[in-house]
PDB file of N, CA and C in Angstrom:
ATOM      1  N   MET A   1      59.373 209.615 204.098  1.00  0.00           N
ATOM      2  CA  MET A   1      60.218 208.857 203.286  1.00  0.00           C
ATOM      3  C   MET A   1      59.978 207.309 203.437  1.00  0.00           C
ATOM      4  N   PHE A   2      59.567 207.137 204.922  1.00  0.00           N
ATOM      5  CA  PHE A   2      58.941 205.605 205.244  1.00  0.00           C
ATOM      6  C   PHE A   2      57.710 205.248 204.562  1.00  0.00           C
ATOM      7  N   GLU A   3      56.874 206.264 204.310  1.00  0.00           N
ATOM      8  CA  GLU A   3      55.575 206.099 204.086  1.00  0.00           C
ATOM      9  C   GLU A   3      55.665 205.699 202.486  1.00  0.00           C
ATOM     10  N   LYS A   4      56.601 206.019 201.734  1.00  0.00           N
ATOM     11  CA  LYS A   4      56.601 205.926 200.185  1.00  0.00           C
ATOM     12  C   LYS A   4      57.170 204.530 200.022  1.00  0.00           C
ATOM     13  N   THR A   5      58.046 204.090 200.705  1.00  0.00           N
ATOM     14  CA  THR A   5      58.521 202.594 201.020  1.00  0.00           C
ATOM     15  C   THR A   5      57.789 201.652 201.349  1.00  0.00           C
ATOM     16  N   LYS A   6      56.621 202.049 202.460  1.00  0.00           N
ATOM     17  CA  LYS A   6      55.828 201.146 203.085  1.00  0.00           C
ATOM     18  C   LYS A   6      54.475 200.984 202.221  1.00  0.00           C
ATOM     19  N   ARG A   7      54.195 201.818 201.554  1.00  0.00           N
ATOM     20  CA  ARG A   7      52.828 201.609 200.519  1.00  0.00           C
ATOM     21  C   ARG A   7      53.183 200.466 199.424  1.00  0.00           C
ATOM     22  N   PRO A   8      54.392 200.226 198.917  1.00  0.00           N
ATOM     23  CA  PRO A   8      54.312 199.088 197.954  1.00  0.00           C
ATOM     24  C   PRO A   8      54.587 197.906 198.177  1.00  0.00           C
ATOM     25  N   ILE A   9      55.135 197.982 199.526  1.00  0.00           N
ATOM     26  CA  ILE A   9      55.340 196.742 200.310  1.00  0.00           C
ATOM     27  C   ILE A   9      54.017 195.915 200.771  1.00  0.00           C
ATOM     28  N   VAL A  10      53.198 197.013 201.173  1.00  0.00           N
ATOM     29  CA  VAL A  10      51.818 196.586 201.753  1.00  0.00           C
ATOM     30  C   VAL A  10      50.887 196.243 200.576  1.00  0.00           C
ATOM     31  N   LYS A  11      50.973 196.767 199.492  1.00  0.00           N
ATOM     32  CA  LYS A  11      50.165 196.331 198.616  1.00  0.00           C
ATOM     33  C   LYS A  11      50.743 195.021 197.952  1.00  0.00           C
ATOM     34  N   PHE A  12      52.007 194.820 197.869  1.00  0.00           N
ATOM     35  CA  PHE A  12      52.314 193.387 197.674  1.00  0.00           C
ATOM     36  C   PHE A  12      51.879 192.389 198.675  1.00  0.00           C
ATOM     37  N   LEU A  13      52.090 192.509 199.717  1.00  0.00           N
ATOM     38  CA  LEU A  13      51.461 191.735 200.725  1.00  0.00           C
ATOM     39  C   LEU A  13      50.190 191.520 200.668  1.00  0.00           C
ATOM     40  N   GLN A  14      49.275 192.524 200.188  1.00  0.00           N
ATOM     41  CA  GLN A  14      47.862 192.279 200.118  1.00  0.00           C
ATOM     42  C   GLN A  14      47.798 191.288 198.831  1.00  0.00           C
ATOM     43  N   LEU A  15      48.389 191.693 197.561  1.00  0.00           N
ATOM     44  CA  LEU A  15      48.488 190.811 196.395  1.00  0.00           C
ATOM     45  C   LEU A  15      48.470 189.433 196.832  1.00  0.00           C
ATOM     46  N   ILE A  16      49.705 189.008 197.467  1.00  0.00           N
ATOM     47  CA  ILE A  16      50.081 187.591 198.097  1.00  0.00           C
ATOM     48  C   ILE A  16      48.871 187.170 198.865  1.00  0.00           C
ATOM     49  N   LYS A  17      48.531 187.950 199.860  1.00  0.00           N
ATOM     50  CA  LYS A  17      47.325 187.330 200.704  1.00  0.00           C
ATOM     51  C   LYS A  17      45.961 187.257 199.892  1.00  0.00           C
ATOM     52  N   GLN A  18      45.668 187.754 198.774  1.00  0.00           N
ATOM     53  CA  GLN A  18      44.717 187.482 198.073  1.00  0.00           C
ATOM     54  C   GLN A  18      44.789 186.178 197.128  1.00  0.00           C
ATOM     55  N   SER A  19      45.897 186.107 196.470  1.00  0.00           N
ATOM     56  CA  SER A  19      46.288 184.974 195.728  1.00  0.00           C
ATOM     57  C   SER A  19      47.336 184.180 195.903  1.00  0.00           C
ATOM     58  N   TYR A  20      47.152 183.853 197.336  1.00  0.00           N
ATOM     59  CA  TYR A  20      48.136 182.608 197.777  1.00  0.00           C
ATOM     60  C   TYR A  20      48.005 181.293 196.915  1.00  0.00           C
ATOM     61  N   ILE A  21      46.726 180.940 196.826  1.00  0.00           N
ATOM     62  CA  ILE A  21      46.548 179.596 196.152  1.00  0.00           C
ATOM     63  C   ILE A  21      47.216 179.558 194.456  1.00  0.00           C
ATOM     64  N   PHE A  22      47.151 180.658 193.852  1.00  0.00           N
ATOM     65  CA  PHE A  22      47.666 180.887 192.524  1.00  0.00           C
ATOM     66  C   PHE A  22      49.043 180.884 192.692  1.00  0.00           C
ATOM     67  N   ILE A  23      49.696 181.483 193.570  1.00  0.00           N
ATOM     68  CA  ILE A  23      51.327 181.458 193.609  1.00  0.00           C
ATOM     69  C   ILE A  23      51.846 179.865 194.074  1.00  0.00           C
ATOM     70  N   ILE A  24      51.111 179.259 195.038  1.00  0.00           N
ATOM     71  CA  ILE A  24      51.400 178.053 195.072  1.00  0.00           C
ATOM     72  C   ILE A  24      51.123 177.142 194.272  1.00  0.00           C
ATOM     73  N   CYS A  25      50.089 177.040 193.320  1.00  0.00           N
ATOM     74  CA  CYS A  25      50.102 176.301 192.254  1.00  0.00           C
ATOM     75  C   CYS A  25      50.949 176.599 191.110  1.00  0.00           C
ATOM     76  N   ILE A  26      51.290 177.863 190.821  1.00  0.00           N
ATOM     77  CA  ILE A  26      52.424 178.161 189.987  1.00  0.00           C
ATOM     78  C   ILE A  26      53.739 177.433 190.496  1.00  0.00           C
ATOM     79  N   PHE A  27      54.094 177.489 191.755  1.00  0.00           N
ATOM     80  CA  PHE A  27      55.460 176.879 192.263  1.00  0.00           C
ATOM     81  C   PHE A  27      55.378 175.517 192.015  1.00  0.00           C
ATOM     82  N   ILE A  28      54.273 174.645 192.183  1.00  0.00           N
ATOM     83  CA  ILE A  28      54.004 173.080 192.056  1.00  0.00           C
ATOM     84  C   ILE A  28      54.252 172.978 190.837  1.00  0.00           C
ATOM     85  N   ILE A  29      53.570 173.925 189.916  1.00  0.00           N
ATOM     86  CA  ILE A  29      53.725 173.502 188.357  1.00  0.00           C
ATOM     87  C   ILE A  29      55.057 173.323 188.015  1.00  0.00           C
ATOM     88  N   PHE A  30      55.939 174.262 188.480  1.00  0.00           N
ATOM     89  CA  PHE A  30      57.434 174.619 188.119  1.00  0.00           C
ATOM     90  C   PHE A  30      57.974 173.363 188.690  1.00  0.00           C
ATOM     91  N   VAL A  31      57.696 172.934 189.849  1.00  0.00           N
ATOM     92  CA  VAL A  31      58.438 171.551 190.324  1.00  0.00           C
ATOM     93  C   VAL A  31      58.164 170.397 189.478  1.00  0.00           C
ATOM     94  N   GLY A  32      56.666 170.311 189.027  1.00  0.00           N
ATOM     95  CA  GLY A  32      56.335 169.308 188.206  1.00  0.00           C
ATOM     96  C   GLY A  32      56.940 169.074 186.800  1.00  0.00           C
ATOM     97  N   PHE A  33      57.473 170.493 186.289  1.00  0.00           N
ATOM     98  CA  PHE A  33      57.945 170.620 185.104  1.00  0.00           C
ATOM     99  C   PHE A  33      59.295 170.313 185.094  1.00  0.00           C
ATOM    100  N   ASP A  34      60.134 170.544 186.257  1.00  0.00           N
ATOM    101  CA  ASP A  34      61.165 169.750 186.683  1.00  0.00           C
ATOM    102  C   ASP A  34      61.259 168.592 186.742  1.00  0.00           C
ATOM    103  N   LEU A  35      60.402 167.729 187.269  1.00  0.00           N
ATOM    104  CA  LEU A  35      60.381 166.301 187.439  1.00  0.00           C
ATOM    105  C   LEU A  35      60.123 165.881 186.008  1.00  0.00           C
ATOM    106  N   ILE A  36      59.301 166.169 185.143  1.00  0.00           N
ATOM    107  CA  ILE A  36      59.178 165.797 183.844  1.00  0.00           C
ATOM    108  C   ILE A  36      60.384 165.748 182.967  1.00  0.00           C
ATOM    109  N   ASP A  37      61.246 166.825 183.197  1.00  0.00           N
ATOM    110  CA  ASP A  37      62.513 166.762 182.703  1.00  0.00           C
ATOM    111  C   ASP A  37      63.381 166.018 182.947  1.00  0.00           C
ATOM    112  N   SER A  38      63.293 164.960 183.770  1.00  0.00           N
ATOM    113  CA  SER A  38      64.143 163.928 184.315  1.00  0.00           C
ATOM    114  C   SER A  38      64.743 162.905 183.214  1.00  0.00           C
ATOM    115  N   HIS A  39      65.819 162.573 183.250  1.00  0.00           N
ATOM    116  CA  HIS A  39      66.093 161.381 182.180  1.00  0.00           C
ATOM    117  C   HIS A  39      67.500 160.852 182.817  1.00  0.00           C
ATOM    118  N   TYR A  40      67.914 159.700 182.346  1.00  0.00           N
ATOM    119  CA  TYR A  40      68.736 158.975 182.736  1.00  0.00           C
ATOM    120  C   TYR A  40      69.637 158.479 181.615  1.00  0.00           C
ATOM    121  N   SER A  41      71.114 158.682 181.777  1.00  0.00           N
ATOM    122  CA  SER A  41      71.776 158.182 180.587  1.00  0.00           C
ATOM    123  C   SER A  41      73.092 157.283 181.415  1.00  0.00           C
ATOM    124  N   GLY A  42      73.070 156.204 181.500  1.00  0.00           N
ATOM    125  CA  GLY A  42      74.151 155.565 182.059  1.00  0.00           C
ATOM    126  C   GLY A  42      74.699 154.713 181.161  1.00  0.00           C
ATOM    127  N   TYR A  43      75.936 154.997 180.643  1.00  0.00           N
ATOM    128  CA  TYR A  43      76.760 154.001 180.018  1.00  0.00           C
ATOM    129  C   TYR A  43      77.677 153.326 180.357  1.00  0.00           C
ATOM    130  N   GLY A  44      77.843 152.222 180.244  1.00  0.00           N
ATOM    131  CA  GLY A  44      78.803 151.505 180.804  1.00  0.00           C
ATOM    132  C   GLY A  44      78.173 150.729 182.283  1.00  0.00           C
ATOM    133  N   SER A  45      77.200 151.196 182.376  1.00  0.00           N
ATOM    134  CA  SER A  45      76.612 150.131 183.783  1.00  0.00           C
ATOM    135  C   SER A  45      76.036 148.804 183.421  1.00  0.00           C
ATOM    136  N   ASN A  46      75.674 148.216 184.311  1.00  0.00           N
ATOM    137  CA  ASN A  46      74.978 146.881 184.146  1.00  0.00           C
ATOM    138  C   ASN A  46      73.475 146.923 183.844  1.00  0.00           C
ATOM    139  N   GLU A  47      73.136 145.915 183.081  1.00  0.00           N
ATOM    140  CA  GLU A  47      71.590 146.080 182.720  1.00  0.00           C
ATOM    141  C   GLU A  47      70.660 146.308 183.876  1.00  0.00           C
ATOM    142  N   ALA A  48      71.052 145.696 185.003  1.00  0.00           N
ATOM    143  CA  ALA A  48      69.826 145.944 186.276  1.00  0.00           C
ATOM    144  C   ALA A  48      69.845 147.418 186.690  1.00  0.00           C
ATOM    145  N   LYS A  49      71.031 147.824 186.601  1.00  0.00           N
ATOM    146  CA  LYS A  49      71.000 149.639 187.204  1.00  0.00           C
ATOM    147  C   LYS A  49      70.624 150.324 186.082  1.00  0.00           C
ATOM    148  N   ILE A  50      70.775 150.216 184.863  1.00  0.00           N
ATOM    149  CA  ILE A  50      70.089 151.009 183.877  1.00  0.00           C
ATOM    150  C   ILE A  50      68.576 150.678 183.862  1.00  0.00           C
ATOM    151  N   LEU A  51      68.180 149.698 184.101  1.00  0.00           N
ATOM    152  CA  LEU A  51      66.683 149.283 184.097  1.00  0.00           C
ATOM    153  C   LEU A  51      66.108 150.098 185.578  1.00  0.00           C
ATOM    154  N   GLY A  52      66.859 149.905 186.580  1.00  0.00           N
ATOM    155  CA  GLY A  52      66.394 150.444 187.852  1.00  0.00           C
ATOM    156  C   GLY A  52      66.264 152.127 187.901  1.00  0.00           C
ATOM    157  N   GLU A  53      67.307 152.343 187.096  1.00  0.00           N
ATOM    158  CA  GLU A  53      67.472 153.977 186.734  1.00  0.00           C
ATOM    159  C   GLU A  53      66.224 154.506 186.107  1.00  0.00           C
ATOM    160  N   ASN A  54      66.076 153.935 184.905  1.00  0.00           N
ATOM    161  CA  ASN A  54      64.833 154.080 183.631  1.00  0.00           C
ATOM    162  C   ASN A  54      63.514 154.133 185.033  1.00  0.00           C
ATOM    163  N   ILE A  55      63.518 153.066 185.481  1.00  0.00           N
ATOM    164  CA  ILE A  55      61.921 153.027 186.274  1.00  0.00           C
ATOM    165  C   ILE A  55      61.971 154.189 187.028  1.00  0.00           C
ATOM    166  N   ARG A  56      63.030 154.720 188.056  1.00  0.00           N
ATOM    167  CA  ARG A  56      63.004 155.555 188.855  1.00  0.00           C
ATOM    168  C   ARG A  56      62.933 156.884 188.048  1.00  0.00           C
ATOM    169  N   VAL A  57      63.514 157.282 186.910  1.00  0.00           N
ATOM    170  CA  VAL A  57      63.026 158.377 186.098  1.00  0.00           C
ATOM    171  C   VAL A  57      61.656 158.542 185.634  1.00  0.00           C
ATOM    172  N   GLY A  58      60.849 157.369 185.310  1.00  0.00           N
ATOM    173  CA  GLY A  58      59.787 157.203 184.604  1.00  0.00           C
ATOM    174  C   GLY A  58      58.901 157.409 185.783  1.00  0.00           C
ATOM    175  N   LEU A  59      58.987 156.831 187.102  1.00  0.00           N
ATOM    176  CA  LEU A  59      58.294 157.307 188.222  1.00  0.00           C
ATOM    177  C   LEU A  59      58.201 158.792 188.570  1.00  0.00           C
ATOM    178  N   LYS A  60      59.604 159.708 188.285  1.00  0.00           N
ATOM    179  CA  LYS A  60      59.471 160.974 188.502  1.00  0.00           C
ATOM    180  C   LYS A  60      58.716 161.674 187.556  1.00  0.00           C
ATOM    181  N   ILE A  61      58.646 161.102 186.314  1.00  0.00           N
ATOM    182  CA  ILE A  61      57.957 161.882 185.124  1.00  0.00           C
ATOM    183  C   ILE A  61      56.504 161.739 185.417  1.00  0.00           C
ATOM    184  N   LEU A  62      55.984 160.654 185.956  1.00  0.00           N
ATOM    185  CA  LEU A  62      54.811 160.465 186.281  1.00  0.00           C
ATOM    186  C   LEU A  62      54.147 161.254 187.657  1.00  0.00           C
ATOM    187  N   GLY A  63      55.125 161.258 188.580  1.00  0.00           N
ATOM    188  CA  GLY A  63      54.896 162.235 189.641  1.00  0.00           C
ATOM    189  C   GLY A  63      54.675 163.772 189.168  1.00  0.00           C
ATOM    190  N   GLY A  64      55.695 164.113 188.384  1.00  0.00           N
ATOM    191  CA  GLY A  64      55.637 165.326 187.920  1.00  0.00           C
ATOM    192  C   GLY A  64      54.302 165.745 187.050  1.00  0.00           C
ATOM    193  N   SER A  65      54.022 164.627 186.403  1.00  0.00           N
ATOM    194  CA  SER A  65      52.642 164.831 185.373  1.00  0.00           C
ATOM    195  C   SER A  65      51.528 165.155 186.345  1.00  0.00           C
ATOM    196  N   ILE A  66      51.399 164.257 187.588  1.00  0.00           N
ATOM    197  CA  ILE A  66      50.298 164.413 188.254  1.00  0.00           C
ATOM    198  C   ILE A  66      50.428 165.625 189.164  1.00  0.00           C
ATOM    199  N   LEU A  67      51.457 166.364 189.654  1.00  0.00           N
ATOM    200  CA  LEU A  67      51.576 167.687 190.054  1.00  0.00           C
ATOM    201  C   LEU A  67      51.162 168.529 189.108  1.00  0.00           C
ATOM    202  N   VAL A  68      51.406 168.519 187.750  1.00  0.00           N
ATOM    203  CA  VAL A  68      51.112 169.747 186.934  1.00  0.00           C
ATOM    204  C   VAL A  68      49.594 169.645 186.946  1.00  0.00           C
ATOM    205  N   GLY A  69      49.059 168.238 186.410  1.00  0.00           N
ATOM    206  CA  GLY A  69      47.761 168.118 186.320  1.00  0.00           C
ATOM    207  C   GLY A  69      46.607 168.689 187.330  1.00  0.00           C
ATOM    208  N   SER A  70      47.275 168.275 188.804  1.00  0.00           N
ATOM    209  CA  SER A  70      46.614 168.297 189.868  1.00  0.00           C
ATOM    210  C   SER A  70      46.451 169.992 190.232  1.00  0.00           C
ATOM    211  N   SER A  71      47.489 170.323 189.905  1.00  0.00           N
ATOM    212  CA  SER A  71      47.777 172.155 190.113  1.00  0.00           C
ATOM    213  C   SER A  71      46.727 172.811 189.048  1.00  0.00           C
ATOM    214  N   LEU A  72      46.815 172.341 187.949  1.00  0.00           N
ATOM    215  CA  LEU A  72      45.885 172.892 186.846  1.00  0.00           C
ATOM    216  C   LEU A  72      44.522 172.743 187.243  1.00  0.00           C
ATOM    217  N   LEU A  73      44.239 171.788 187.851  1.00  0.00           N
ATOM    218  CA  LEU A  73      42.530 171.552 188.084  1.00  0.00           C
ATOM    219  C   LEU A  73      42.383 172.421 189.222  1.00  0.00           C
ATOM    220  N   CYS A  74      43.191 172.490 190.462  1.00  0.00           N
ATOM    221  CA  CYS A  74      42.862 173.170 191.354  1.00  0.00           C
ATOM    222  C   CYS A  74      42.745 174.789 191.104  1.00  0.00           C
ATOM    223  N   LEU A  75      43.732 175.264 189.902  1.00  0.00           N
ATOM    224  CA  LEU A  75      43.448 176.390 189.631  1.00  0.00           C
ATOM    225  C   LEU A  75      42.092 177.038 188.918  1.00  0.00           C
ATOM    226  N   THR A  76      42.061 175.875 188.144  1.00  0.00           N
ATOM    227  CA  THR A  76      40.428 175.842 187.379  1.00  0.00           C
ATOM    228  C   THR A  76      39.389 176.006 188.467  1.00  0.00           C
ATOM    229  N   LEU A  77      39.302 175.031 189.273  1.00  0.00           N
ATOM    230  CA  LEU A  77      38.062 175.037 190.349  1.00  0.00           C
ATOM    231  C   LEU A  77      38.246 176.338 191.074  1.00  0.00           C
ATOM    232  N   ASN A  78      39.494 176.687 191.459  1.00  0.00           N
ATOM    233  CA  ASN A  78      39.550 178.250 192.315  1.00  0.00           C
ATOM    234  C   ASN A  78      38.948 179.263 191.391  1.00  0.00           C
ATOM    235  N   THR A  79      39.209 179.429 190.413  1.00  0.00           N
ATOM    236  CA  THR A  79      38.808 180.538 189.573  1.00  0.00           C
ATOM    237  C   THR A  79      37.431 180.441 189.121  1.00  0.00           C
ATOM    238  N   ARG A  80      37.069 179.268 189.245  1.00  0.00           N
ATOM    239  CA  ARG A  80      35.660 179.286 188.488  1.00  0.00           C
ATOM    240  C   ARG A  80      34.470 179.631 189.556  1.00  0.00           C
ATOM    241  N   GLY A  81      34.910 179.712 190.927  1.00  0.00           N
ATOM    242  CA  GLY A  81      33.549 180.195 191.534  1.00  0.00           C
ATOM    243  C   GLY A  81      33.767 181.663 191.890  1.00  0.00           C
ATOM    244  N   LYS A  82      35.106 182.310 191.432  1.00  0.00           N
ATOM    245  CA  LYS A  82      34.968 183.861 191.444  1.00  0.00           C
ATOM    246  C   LYS A  82      34.400 184.484 190.550  1.00  0.00           C
ATOM    247  N   LYS A  83      33.755 185.603 190.336  1.00  0.00           N
ATOM    248  CA  LYS A  83      33.283 186.186 189.113  1.00  0.00           C
ATOM    249  C   LYS A  83      33.500 187.923 189.244  1.00  0.00           C
TER     250      LYS A  83
END
């Protein structure tokens, strides 16, 4: 009984061990997409606060774009060497 439950767990751990870079890059891409989806809508605030929040959101979008781009580049370079 224990051997039947142990086998899928061992196979799953081997898959993670073989493709940990892929899993990490996919996680970073999801975080990047979450940052890209940032927005701010502050009605009733003064102009300085609205401007500051828009700059902050713009930097979050830029950071998310960099995360997604670098993760895709890492995946491309990682899979290019394997045949």
